[in-house]
C-alpha cells in the first residue's frame, strides 16, 4: 500500500504528459509545433538536456540513503562515468544513420540505465521514514519515458503513449517496492570493472 502513495508523483507526471499530448494532438495536429514536439530530434535533445540537468542536480546517479544526506561532488568519477556512458550511447545511437545499429545502441543504453536504476542508484529510501526522494522519482519517471519514446520514434512505431507510461509506472513500482536501496555488491563489482575504486 505504501508503494501506491510513493508512486503518486510518477502517476501525476505521466497523467499530465498524457493529457498535454492528447490536447496538443487533438487541437494542433496539423500545426508546426505539434510536428516539432513529436519530432525525433526534439525528443533526443529533451533527453540530453534532462540527462545534463540530472548530472548537475545529482539526480541521474546518487548514493544518498538513510537519514544522512550527503552528496558526492558533481564531477566525481562515478557521476561522470555513469552519466557519460548514457550520454555517449544515446548520442552515438542518435547520430549513426544506420537504424538497426542505432536501435541496438539505444537499447543497450536503456538496459544499462535500468541496471543502474535497479541495482546502483540510491535515493529511494531516505529520511527517517525511509521513503523515496520525490525529486528522484520524478526525474527517473521522465528519464525512462523519454528513453522509451526516443526508441519508438526512431523506429517509426505508431503507438499511443499510454502503453509506454504503463511500462514506466510498472518499472518505478518495481524500483520502489523491491529495489529501493541499490545493491552494494553490484555497485562494487561495476566500480571494479570500470576502475572507479
N, C-alpha and C. Protein backbone atom coordinates (compact mmCIF):
# COMPACT_ATOMS: atom_id res chain seq x y z
N UNK A 1 0.81 -1.20 0.00
CA UNK A 1 0.00 0.00 0.00
C UNK A 1 0.85 1.26 0.00
N UNK A 2 2.00 1.20 0.71
CA UNK A 2 2.87 2.36 0.73
C UNK A 2 3.40 2.69 -0.67
N UNK A 3 3.60 1.66 -1.48
CA UNK A 3 4.12 1.88 -2.83
C UNK A 3 3.19 2.77 -3.63
N UNK A 4 1.90 2.61 -3.46
CA UNK A 4 0.95 3.44 -4.20
C UNK A 4 1.11 4.91 -3.84
N UNK A 5 1.29 5.19 -2.56
CA UNK A 5 1.48 6.59 -2.14
C UNK A 5 2.78 7.15 -2.69
N UNK A 6 3.82 6.30 -2.72
CA UNK A 6 5.12 6.75 -3.20
C UNK A 6 5.13 6.93 -4.71
N UNK A 7 4.19 6.30 -5.41
CA UNK A 7 4.11 6.41 -6.86
C UNK A 7 3.28 7.61 -7.33
N UNK A 8 2.63 8.30 -6.42
CA UNK A 8 1.76 9.41 -6.81
C UNK A 8 2.48 10.43 -7.70
N UNK A 9 3.71 10.86 -7.38
CA UNK A 9 4.37 11.82 -8.30
C UNK A 9 4.56 11.25 -9.71
N UNK A 10 4.96 9.98 -9.80
CA UNK A 10 5.15 9.37 -11.12
C UNK A 10 3.84 9.32 -11.89
N UNK A 11 2.79 8.89 -11.22
CA UNK A 11 1.49 8.79 -11.88
C UNK A 11 1.00 10.16 -12.32
N UNK A 12 1.17 11.16 -11.46
CA UNK A 12 0.76 12.52 -11.83
C UNK A 12 1.54 13.05 -13.02
N UNK A 13 2.85 12.85 -13.03
CA UNK A 13 3.67 13.31 -14.15
C UNK A 13 3.24 12.63 -15.44
N UNK A 14 3.06 11.31 -15.37
CA UNK A 14 2.65 10.55 -16.55
C UNK A 14 1.27 11.01 -17.03
N UNK A 15 0.35 11.21 -16.11
CA UNK A 15 -1.01 11.65 -16.48
C UNK A 15 -0.98 13.05 -17.10
N UNK A 16 -0.18 13.94 -16.55
CA UNK A 16 -0.08 15.30 -17.10
C UNK A 16 0.51 15.27 -18.50
N UNK A 17 1.58 14.49 -18.68
CA UNK A 17 2.18 14.38 -20.02
C UNK A 17 1.19 13.79 -21.01
N UNK A 18 0.46 12.77 -20.58
CA UNK A 18 -0.54 12.12 -21.44
C UNK A 18 -1.62 13.12 -21.87
N UNK A 19 -2.13 13.88 -20.93
CA UNK A 19 -3.18 14.85 -21.24
C UNK A 19 -2.66 15.99 -22.11
N UNK A 20 -1.45 16.47 -21.84
CA UNK A 20 -0.87 17.52 -22.68
C UNK A 20 -0.69 17.00 -24.10
N UNK A 21 -0.18 15.77 -24.22
CA UNK A 21 -0.01 15.16 -25.54
C UNK A 21 -1.33 15.01 -26.26
N UNK A 22 -2.36 14.56 -25.55
CA UNK A 22 -3.69 14.41 -26.15
C UNK A 22 -4.23 15.77 -26.60
N UNK A 23 -4.08 16.79 -25.75
CA UNK A 23 -4.59 18.12 -26.07
C UNK A 23 -3.89 18.68 -27.31
N UNK A 24 -2.57 18.59 -27.34
CA UNK A 24 -1.82 19.11 -28.48
C UNK A 24 -2.18 18.35 -29.75
N UNK A 25 -2.28 17.03 -29.64
CA UNK A 25 -2.59 16.23 -30.83
C UNK A 25 -4.00 16.50 -31.34
N UNK A 26 -4.96 16.62 -30.42
CA UNK A 26 -6.34 16.82 -30.86
C UNK A 26 -6.59 18.23 -31.40
N UNK A 27 -5.90 19.22 -30.89
CA UNK A 27 -6.13 20.60 -31.31
C UNK A 27 -5.19 21.08 -32.40
N UNK A 28 -3.96 20.62 -32.34
CA UNK A 28 -2.93 21.21 -33.20
C UNK A 28 -2.20 20.17 -34.04
N UNK A 29 -2.88 19.10 -34.43
CA UNK A 29 -2.23 18.01 -35.16
C UNK A 29 -1.55 18.49 -36.43
N UNK A 30 -2.14 19.39 -37.15
CA UNK A 30 -1.57 19.87 -38.41
C UNK A 30 -0.66 21.09 -38.24
N UNK A 31 -0.50 21.55 -37.03
CA UNK A 31 0.31 22.74 -36.77
C UNK A 31 1.80 22.39 -36.69
N UNK A 32 2.66 23.37 -36.98
CA UNK A 32 4.11 23.10 -36.96
C UNK A 32 4.63 22.73 -35.58
N UNK A 33 4.08 23.31 -34.49
CA UNK A 33 4.64 22.99 -33.18
C UNK A 33 4.29 21.58 -32.74
N UNK A 34 3.20 21.01 -33.23
CA UNK A 34 2.94 19.60 -32.92
C UNK A 34 3.99 18.73 -33.60
N UNK A 35 4.28 19.04 -34.85
CA UNK A 35 5.29 18.28 -35.57
C UNK A 35 6.66 18.47 -34.93
N UNK A 36 6.95 19.69 -34.45
CA UNK A 36 8.21 19.94 -33.76
C UNK A 36 8.27 19.15 -32.45
N UNK A 37 7.17 19.15 -31.70
CA UNK A 37 7.14 18.50 -30.39
C UNK A 37 7.29 16.98 -30.51
N UNK A 38 6.75 16.39 -31.57
CA UNK A 38 6.80 14.94 -31.73
C UNK A 38 7.96 14.50 -32.62
N UNK A 39 8.80 15.44 -33.01
CA UNK A 39 9.94 15.16 -33.87
C UNK A 39 11.01 14.38 -33.09
N UNK A 40 11.69 13.45 -33.78
CA UNK A 40 12.75 12.65 -33.16
C UNK A 40 13.86 13.54 -32.61
N UNK A 41 14.22 14.57 -33.34
CA UNK A 41 15.28 15.47 -32.90
C UNK A 41 14.91 16.18 -31.60
N UNK A 42 13.67 16.62 -31.49
CA UNK A 42 13.22 17.30 -30.26
C UNK A 42 13.28 16.35 -29.07
N UNK A 43 12.83 15.12 -29.26
CA UNK A 43 12.84 14.14 -28.16
C UNK A 43 14.28 13.85 -27.74
N UNK A 44 15.18 13.71 -28.73
CA UNK A 44 16.59 13.47 -28.43
C UNK A 44 17.17 14.61 -27.59
N UNK A 45 16.96 15.86 -28.02
CA UNK A 45 17.53 16.99 -27.28
C UNK A 45 16.87 17.17 -25.91
N UNK A 46 15.59 16.85 -25.80
CA UNK A 46 14.95 16.90 -24.48
C UNK A 46 15.61 15.89 -23.53
N UNK A 47 15.91 14.70 -24.03
CA UNK A 47 16.57 13.68 -23.21
C UNK A 47 17.99 14.11 -22.84
N UNK A 48 18.72 14.67 -23.78
CA UNK A 48 20.09 15.12 -23.49
C UNK A 48 20.08 16.22 -22.43
N UNK A 49 19.20 17.19 -22.58
CA UNK A 49 19.10 18.27 -21.59
C UNK A 49 18.69 17.70 -20.23
N UNK A 50 17.76 16.74 -20.23
CA UNK A 50 17.31 16.12 -18.98
C UNK A 50 18.46 15.38 -18.30
N UNK A 51 19.30 14.68 -19.09
CA UNK A 51 20.46 13.98 -18.53
C UNK A 51 21.47 14.96 -17.93
N UNK A 52 21.73 16.04 -18.64
CA UNK A 52 22.68 17.04 -18.15
C UNK A 52 22.15 17.69 -16.88
N UNK A 53 20.87 18.00 -16.85
CA UNK A 53 20.25 18.54 -15.64
C UNK A 53 20.38 17.53 -14.49
N UNK A 54 20.11 16.27 -14.76
CA UNK A 54 20.24 15.23 -13.74
C UNK A 54 21.67 15.07 -13.25
N UNK A 55 22.62 15.25 -14.15
CA UNK A 55 24.04 15.18 -13.77
C UNK A 55 24.38 16.26 -12.75
N UNK A 56 24.02 17.50 -13.07
CA UNK A 56 24.38 18.61 -12.18
C UNK A 56 23.54 18.65 -10.90
N UNK A 57 22.35 18.11 -10.92
CA UNK A 57 21.47 18.14 -9.74
C UNK A 57 21.56 16.86 -8.91
N UNK A 58 22.50 15.98 -9.23
CA UNK A 58 22.65 14.70 -8.51
C UNK A 58 21.39 13.85 -8.59
N UNK A 59 20.75 13.84 -9.73
CA UNK A 59 19.53 13.04 -9.89
C UNK A 59 19.77 11.83 -10.80
N UNK A 60 20.72 11.93 -11.71
CA UNK A 60 20.97 10.82 -12.63
C UNK A 60 21.63 9.66 -11.90
N UNK A 61 22.59 9.95 -11.04
CA UNK A 61 23.21 8.93 -10.20
C UNK A 61 23.42 9.54 -8.83
N UNK A 62 22.97 8.83 -7.81
CA UNK A 62 23.14 9.33 -6.45
C UNK A 62 23.30 8.16 -5.51
N UNK A 63 24.01 8.39 -4.43
CA UNK A 63 24.20 7.38 -3.39
C UNK A 63 23.56 7.81 -2.08
N UNK A 64 22.66 8.81 -2.10
CA UNK A 64 22.04 9.24 -0.84
C UNK A 64 21.14 8.12 -0.33
N UNK A 65 21.25 7.88 0.97
CA UNK A 65 20.48 6.80 1.57
C UNK A 65 20.37 7.06 3.06
N UNK A 66 19.25 6.69 3.63
CA UNK A 66 19.07 6.81 5.07
C UNK A 66 18.84 8.23 5.52
N UNK A 67 19.23 8.49 6.75
CA UNK A 67 18.95 9.79 7.37
C UNK A 67 19.99 10.86 7.04
N UNK A 68 21.19 10.42 6.71
CA UNK A 68 22.25 11.40 6.43
C UNK A 68 22.33 11.59 4.93
N UNK A 69 22.01 12.78 4.49
CA UNK A 69 22.01 13.10 3.06
C UNK A 69 23.32 13.81 2.75
N UNK A 70 24.19 13.12 2.04
CA UNK A 70 25.48 13.69 1.68
C UNK A 70 25.74 13.39 0.21
N UNK A 71 25.95 14.43 -0.56
CA UNK A 71 26.18 14.28 -1.99
C UNK A 71 27.67 14.20 -2.29
N UNK A 72 28.01 13.39 -3.28
CA UNK A 72 29.36 13.40 -3.80
C UNK A 72 29.52 14.65 -4.65
N UNK A 73 30.75 15.06 -4.91
CA UNK A 73 30.93 16.21 -5.82
C UNK A 73 30.31 15.92 -7.18
N UNK A 74 29.85 16.97 -7.84
CA UNK A 74 29.20 16.81 -9.15
C UNK A 74 30.14 16.11 -10.13
N UNK A 75 31.40 16.50 -10.12
CA UNK A 75 32.36 15.93 -11.07
C UNK A 75 33.11 14.74 -10.49
N UNK A 76 32.43 13.95 -9.65
CA UNK A 76 33.05 12.72 -9.14
C UNK A 76 33.17 11.72 -10.28
N UNK A 77 34.10 10.80 -10.14
CA UNK A 77 34.35 9.83 -11.21
C UNK A 77 33.10 9.01 -11.51
N UNK A 78 32.38 8.58 -10.49
CA UNK A 78 31.18 7.75 -10.70
C UNK A 78 30.11 8.53 -11.47
N UNK A 79 29.86 9.75 -11.05
CA UNK A 79 28.84 10.56 -11.71
C UNK A 79 29.22 10.82 -13.17
N UNK A 80 30.50 11.14 -13.40
CA UNK A 80 30.97 11.39 -14.77
C UNK A 80 30.86 10.13 -15.64
N UNK A 81 31.28 8.99 -15.11
CA UNK A 81 31.29 7.76 -15.91
C UNK A 81 29.87 7.30 -16.21
N UNK A 82 29.02 7.23 -15.18
CA UNK A 82 27.67 6.70 -15.39
C UNK A 82 26.84 7.60 -16.32
N UNK A 83 26.91 8.90 -16.11
CA UNK A 83 26.18 9.81 -17.00
C UNK A 83 26.85 9.87 -18.37
N UNK A 84 28.17 9.81 -18.38
CA UNK A 84 28.90 9.82 -19.65
C UNK A 84 28.57 8.62 -20.53
N UNK A 85 28.43 7.44 -19.93
CA UNK A 85 28.05 6.25 -20.70
C UNK A 85 26.69 6.48 -21.35
N UNK A 86 25.74 6.98 -20.57
CA UNK A 86 24.40 7.22 -21.12
C UNK A 86 24.44 8.27 -22.22
N UNK A 87 25.09 9.40 -21.97
CA UNK A 87 25.18 10.46 -22.98
C UNK A 87 25.86 9.96 -24.25
N UNK A 88 26.94 9.20 -24.08
CA UNK A 88 27.67 8.70 -25.23
C UNK A 88 26.86 7.73 -26.07
N UNK A 89 26.24 6.74 -25.43
CA UNK A 89 25.46 5.75 -26.17
C UNK A 89 24.24 6.38 -26.85
N UNK A 90 23.56 7.28 -26.14
CA UNK A 90 22.39 7.93 -26.74
C UNK A 90 22.80 8.80 -27.92
N UNK A 91 23.87 9.56 -27.76
CA UNK A 91 24.33 10.45 -28.84
C UNK A 91 24.79 9.66 -30.05
N UNK A 92 25.61 8.63 -29.82
CA UNK A 92 26.07 7.81 -30.95
C UNK A 92 24.88 7.12 -31.61
N UNK A 93 23.98 6.58 -30.79
CA UNK A 93 22.80 5.92 -31.33
C UNK A 93 21.92 6.85 -32.15
N UNK A 94 21.86 8.09 -31.76
CA UNK A 94 21.03 9.06 -32.48
C UNK A 94 21.69 9.48 -33.79
N UNK A 95 23.00 9.74 -33.77
CA UNK A 95 23.65 10.30 -34.93
C UNK A 95 24.09 9.28 -35.96
N UNK A 96 24.14 8.00 -35.61
CA UNK A 96 24.50 6.98 -36.61
C UNK A 96 23.33 6.83 -37.58
N UNK A 97 23.59 6.87 -38.88
CA UNK A 97 22.48 6.80 -39.85
C UNK A 97 21.88 5.40 -40.00
N UNK A 98 22.56 4.37 -39.54
CA UNK A 98 22.08 3.00 -39.66
C UNK A 98 21.05 2.73 -38.56
N UNK A 99 19.78 2.60 -38.93
CA UNK A 99 18.70 2.47 -37.94
C UNK A 99 18.82 1.23 -37.05
N UNK A 100 19.16 0.04 -37.59
CA UNK A 100 19.30 -1.12 -36.70
C UNK A 100 20.42 -0.94 -35.66
N UNK A 101 21.55 -0.36 -36.09
CA UNK A 101 22.65 -0.13 -35.16
C UNK A 101 22.24 0.92 -34.13
N UNK A 102 21.55 1.96 -34.57
CA UNK A 102 21.06 2.99 -33.64
C UNK A 102 20.14 2.38 -32.60
N UNK A 103 19.23 1.53 -33.04
CA UNK A 103 18.29 0.90 -32.12
C UNK A 103 19.03 0.03 -31.12
N UNK A 104 20.01 -0.73 -31.58
CA UNK A 104 20.79 -1.59 -30.68
C UNK A 104 21.52 -0.74 -29.63
N UNK A 105 22.12 0.36 -30.07
CA UNK A 105 22.83 1.23 -29.11
C UNK A 105 21.88 1.85 -28.10
N UNK A 106 20.71 2.29 -28.55
CA UNK A 106 19.74 2.88 -27.63
C UNK A 106 19.18 1.82 -26.68
N UNK A 107 18.96 0.62 -27.16
CA UNK A 107 18.50 -0.47 -26.27
C UNK A 107 19.59 -0.87 -25.29
N UNK A 108 20.84 -0.83 -25.73
CA UNK A 108 21.97 -1.10 -24.83
C UNK A 108 22.02 -0.05 -23.72
N UNK A 109 21.85 1.21 -24.10
CA UNK A 109 21.85 2.28 -23.09
C UNK A 109 20.66 2.13 -22.15
N UNK A 110 19.50 1.79 -22.68
CA UNK A 110 18.32 1.59 -21.84
C UNK A 110 18.56 0.45 -20.85
N UNK A 111 19.17 -0.64 -21.31
CA UNK A 111 19.49 -1.76 -20.42
C UNK A 111 20.46 -1.33 -19.33
N UNK A 112 21.50 -0.57 -19.71
CA UNK A 112 22.45 -0.06 -18.72
C UNK A 112 21.74 0.85 -17.72
N UNK A 113 20.87 1.73 -18.21
CA UNK A 113 20.19 2.66 -17.31
C UNK A 113 19.26 1.93 -16.35
N UNK A 114 18.54 0.91 -16.84
CA UNK A 114 17.66 0.14 -15.96
C UNK A 114 18.49 -0.61 -14.92
N UNK A 115 19.64 -1.16 -15.33
CA UNK A 115 20.54 -1.81 -14.37
C UNK A 115 20.99 -0.80 -13.31
N UNK A 116 21.38 0.38 -13.77
CA UNK A 116 21.81 1.43 -12.84
C UNK A 116 20.67 1.82 -11.90
N UNK A 117 19.47 1.95 -12.45
CA UNK A 117 18.31 2.31 -11.64
C UNK A 117 18.03 1.26 -10.57
N UNK A 118 18.00 0.01 -10.96
CA UNK A 118 17.60 -1.04 -10.02
C UNK A 118 18.70 -1.42 -9.04
N UNK A 119 19.94 -1.48 -9.49
CA UNK A 119 20.99 -2.04 -8.65
C UNK A 119 22.01 -1.05 -8.10
N UNK A 120 22.18 0.09 -8.72
CA UNK A 120 23.24 1.01 -8.30
C UNK A 120 22.72 2.28 -7.64
N UNK A 121 21.60 2.76 -8.10
CA UNK A 121 21.11 4.07 -7.68
C UNK A 121 20.41 4.01 -6.34
N UNK A 122 20.75 4.96 -5.51
CA UNK A 122 20.10 5.13 -4.21
C UNK A 122 19.08 6.26 -4.33
N UNK A 123 18.59 6.74 -3.20
CA UNK A 123 17.67 7.86 -3.20
C UNK A 123 16.21 7.44 -3.09
N UNK A 124 15.98 6.14 -2.96
CA UNK A 124 14.61 5.64 -2.85
C UNK A 124 14.30 5.18 -1.44
N UNK A 125 15.19 5.45 -0.50
CA UNK A 125 14.97 5.09 0.89
C UNK A 125 15.75 6.09 1.75
N UNK A 126 15.17 7.29 1.90
CA UNK A 126 15.88 8.33 2.63
C UNK A 126 15.02 8.87 3.78
N UNK A 127 15.68 9.57 4.66
CA UNK A 127 14.98 10.19 5.78
C UNK A 127 14.59 9.18 6.85
N UNK A 128 13.89 9.67 7.87
CA UNK A 128 13.50 8.80 8.98
C UNK A 128 12.46 7.77 8.57
N UNK A 129 11.65 8.09 7.61
CA UNK A 129 10.61 7.16 7.17
C UNK A 129 11.08 6.19 6.09
N UNK A 130 12.26 6.40 5.55
CA UNK A 130 12.77 5.55 4.50
C UNK A 130 11.94 5.62 3.23
N UNK A 131 11.53 6.83 2.87
CA UNK A 131 10.69 7.00 1.67
C UNK A 131 11.54 7.51 0.51
N UNK A 132 11.06 7.34 -0.71
CA UNK A 132 11.83 7.82 -1.86
C UNK A 132 11.85 9.35 -1.94
N UNK A 133 12.95 9.86 -2.45
CA UNK A 133 13.04 11.29 -2.75
C UNK A 133 12.13 11.57 -3.93
N UNK A 134 11.17 12.47 -3.77
CA UNK A 134 10.22 12.75 -4.85
C UNK A 134 10.92 13.35 -6.06
N UNK A 135 11.98 14.13 -5.83
CA UNK A 135 12.73 14.68 -6.96
C UNK A 135 13.32 13.57 -7.81
N UNK A 136 13.87 12.56 -7.16
CA UNK A 136 14.49 11.45 -7.88
C UNK A 136 13.44 10.60 -8.59
N UNK A 137 12.30 10.36 -7.94
CA UNK A 137 11.23 9.59 -8.57
C UNK A 137 10.72 10.30 -9.83
N UNK A 138 10.50 11.59 -9.73
CA UNK A 138 10.03 12.36 -10.88
C UNK A 138 11.08 12.38 -11.98
N UNK A 139 12.34 12.59 -11.59
CA UNK A 139 13.43 12.60 -12.59
C UNK A 139 13.48 11.26 -13.34
N UNK A 140 13.48 10.16 -12.60
CA UNK A 140 13.59 8.84 -13.23
C UNK A 140 12.37 8.51 -14.08
N UNK A 141 11.20 8.95 -13.65
CA UNK A 141 9.98 8.72 -14.43
C UNK A 141 10.09 9.39 -15.80
N UNK A 142 10.50 10.65 -15.81
CA UNK A 142 10.65 11.37 -17.08
C UNK A 142 11.81 10.83 -17.91
N UNK A 143 12.91 10.46 -17.24
CA UNK A 143 14.06 9.93 -17.98
C UNK A 143 13.70 8.63 -18.68
N UNK A 144 13.01 7.74 -18.01
CA UNK A 144 12.61 6.48 -18.63
C UNK A 144 11.59 6.72 -19.74
N UNK A 145 10.64 7.62 -19.51
CA UNK A 145 9.64 7.94 -20.54
C UNK A 145 10.31 8.46 -21.80
N UNK A 146 11.24 9.39 -21.66
CA UNK A 146 11.92 9.96 -22.82
C UNK A 146 12.74 8.91 -23.57
N UNK A 147 13.40 8.02 -22.83
CA UNK A 147 14.17 6.96 -23.48
C UNK A 147 13.27 6.05 -24.32
N UNK A 148 12.17 5.63 -23.75
CA UNK A 148 11.26 4.74 -24.47
C UNK A 148 10.65 5.43 -25.69
N UNK A 149 10.25 6.68 -25.53
CA UNK A 149 9.66 7.42 -26.65
C UNK A 149 10.71 7.62 -27.75
N UNK A 150 11.96 7.88 -27.38
CA UNK A 150 13.02 8.06 -28.38
C UNK A 150 13.20 6.77 -29.20
N UNK A 151 13.25 5.63 -28.54
CA UNK A 151 13.43 4.36 -29.25
C UNK A 151 12.24 4.08 -30.17
N UNK A 152 11.05 4.35 -29.70
CA UNK A 152 9.85 4.11 -30.50
C UNK A 152 9.80 5.06 -31.70
N UNK A 153 10.11 6.33 -31.49
CA UNK A 153 10.09 7.31 -32.60
C UNK A 153 11.20 7.01 -33.61
N UNK A 154 12.36 6.55 -33.14
CA UNK A 154 13.44 6.22 -34.05
C UNK A 154 13.01 5.13 -35.03
N UNK A 155 12.22 4.19 -34.56
CA UNK A 155 11.77 3.07 -35.39
C UNK A 155 10.42 3.31 -36.05
N UNK A 156 9.93 4.53 -35.98
CA UNK A 156 8.66 4.91 -36.61
C UNK A 156 7.50 4.00 -36.23
N UNK A 157 7.48 3.60 -34.97
CA UNK A 157 6.38 2.76 -34.48
C UNK A 157 5.21 3.67 -34.13
N UNK A 158 4.07 3.38 -34.68
CA UNK A 158 2.86 4.16 -34.37
C UNK A 158 2.22 3.54 -33.15
N UNK A 159 2.30 4.24 -32.06
CA UNK A 159 1.76 3.71 -30.82
C UNK A 159 1.39 4.85 -29.90
N UNK A 160 0.34 4.65 -29.14
CA UNK A 160 -0.07 5.68 -28.18
C UNK A 160 0.90 5.70 -27.01
N UNK A 161 0.86 6.80 -26.27
CA UNK A 161 1.77 6.95 -25.15
C UNK A 161 1.35 6.14 -23.93
N UNK A 162 0.10 5.76 -23.82
CA UNK A 162 -0.37 5.07 -22.62
C UNK A 162 0.35 3.76 -22.33
N UNK A 163 0.58 2.89 -23.34
CA UNK A 163 1.35 1.67 -23.02
C UNK A 163 2.76 1.98 -22.53
N UNK A 164 3.38 3.01 -23.09
CA UNK A 164 4.71 3.41 -22.64
C UNK A 164 4.65 3.85 -21.18
N UNK A 165 3.67 4.68 -20.86
CA UNK A 165 3.55 5.17 -19.50
C UNK A 165 3.21 4.04 -18.52
N UNK A 166 2.46 3.05 -18.98
CA UNK A 166 2.15 1.89 -18.15
C UNK A 166 3.45 1.14 -17.81
N UNK A 167 4.32 0.99 -18.80
CA UNK A 167 5.62 0.34 -18.57
C UNK A 167 6.45 1.16 -17.58
N UNK A 168 6.43 2.48 -17.74
CA UNK A 168 7.20 3.36 -16.85
C UNK A 168 6.70 3.21 -15.41
N UNK A 169 5.39 3.24 -15.22
CA UNK A 169 4.83 3.12 -13.87
C UNK A 169 5.18 1.75 -13.27
N UNK A 170 5.10 0.69 -14.07
CA UNK A 170 5.47 -0.64 -13.57
C UNK A 170 6.94 -0.68 -13.15
N UNK A 171 7.81 -0.07 -13.96
CA UNK A 171 9.24 -0.06 -13.62
C UNK A 171 9.50 0.74 -12.34
N UNK A 172 8.82 1.87 -12.19
CA UNK A 172 9.01 2.66 -10.98
C UNK A 172 8.45 1.92 -9.76
N UNK A 173 7.35 1.21 -9.94
CA UNK A 173 6.79 0.42 -8.85
C UNK A 173 7.77 -0.68 -8.44
N UNK A 174 8.38 -1.31 -9.42
CA UNK A 174 9.38 -2.35 -9.16
C UNK A 174 10.55 -1.78 -8.37
N UNK A 175 11.04 -0.62 -8.78
CA UNK A 175 12.16 0.02 -8.08
C UNK A 175 11.77 0.37 -6.64
N UNK A 176 10.62 0.99 -6.46
CA UNK A 176 10.21 1.43 -5.13
C UNK A 176 9.92 0.25 -4.21
N UNK A 177 9.30 -0.79 -4.74
CA UNK A 177 8.87 -1.91 -3.90
C UNK A 177 9.99 -2.89 -3.59
N UNK A 178 10.82 -3.22 -4.58
CA UNK A 178 11.79 -4.30 -4.39
C UNK A 178 13.25 -3.88 -4.42
N UNK A 179 13.56 -2.73 -5.01
CA UNK A 179 14.95 -2.32 -5.16
C UNK A 179 15.17 -0.91 -4.62
N UNK A 180 14.50 -0.58 -3.49
CA UNK A 180 14.57 0.80 -3.01
C UNK A 180 15.98 1.23 -2.64
N UNK A 181 16.79 0.31 -2.17
CA UNK A 181 18.19 0.67 -1.93
C UNK A 181 19.03 -0.09 -2.94
N UNK A 182 20.00 0.57 -3.50
CA UNK A 182 20.85 -0.07 -4.50
C UNK A 182 21.58 -1.26 -3.89
N UNK A 183 22.07 -2.13 -4.71
CA UNK A 183 22.77 -3.32 -4.26
C UNK A 183 24.25 -3.00 -4.15
N UNK A 184 24.76 -3.03 -2.92
CA UNK A 184 26.14 -2.66 -2.66
C UNK A 184 27.12 -3.55 -3.43
N UNK A 185 26.85 -4.85 -3.47
CA UNK A 185 27.75 -5.78 -4.15
C UNK A 185 27.80 -5.49 -5.65
N UNK A 186 26.65 -5.24 -6.28
CA UNK A 186 26.63 -4.90 -7.71
C UNK A 186 27.42 -3.63 -7.96
N UNK A 187 27.24 -2.64 -7.09
CA UNK A 187 27.93 -1.37 -7.26
C UNK A 187 29.44 -1.56 -7.18
N UNK A 188 29.90 -2.31 -6.20
CA UNK A 188 31.34 -2.53 -6.03
C UNK A 188 31.93 -3.30 -7.22
N UNK A 189 31.19 -4.30 -7.73
CA UNK A 189 31.68 -5.06 -8.88
C UNK A 189 31.82 -4.17 -10.11
N UNK A 190 30.80 -3.35 -10.37
CA UNK A 190 30.87 -2.46 -11.54
C UNK A 190 31.96 -1.41 -11.37
N UNK A 191 32.13 -0.88 -10.17
CA UNK A 191 33.18 0.10 -9.92
C UNK A 191 34.56 -0.53 -10.16
N UNK A 192 34.69 -1.81 -9.80
CA UNK A 192 35.95 -2.50 -10.04
C UNK A 192 36.20 -2.68 -11.53
N UNK A 193 35.17 -3.07 -12.28
CA UNK A 193 35.29 -3.25 -13.72
C UNK A 193 35.66 -1.94 -14.40
N UNK A 194 35.01 -0.83 -13.98
CA UNK A 194 35.25 0.48 -14.60
C UNK A 194 36.46 1.21 -14.01
N UNK A 195 37.10 0.63 -13.00
CA UNK A 195 38.25 1.26 -12.38
C UNK A 195 37.93 2.48 -11.56
N UNK A 196 36.75 2.47 -10.89
CA UNK A 196 36.32 3.63 -10.10
C UNK A 196 36.58 3.45 -8.61
N UNK A 197 37.41 2.52 -8.22
CA UNK A 197 37.66 2.28 -6.78
C UNK A 197 38.36 3.43 -6.14
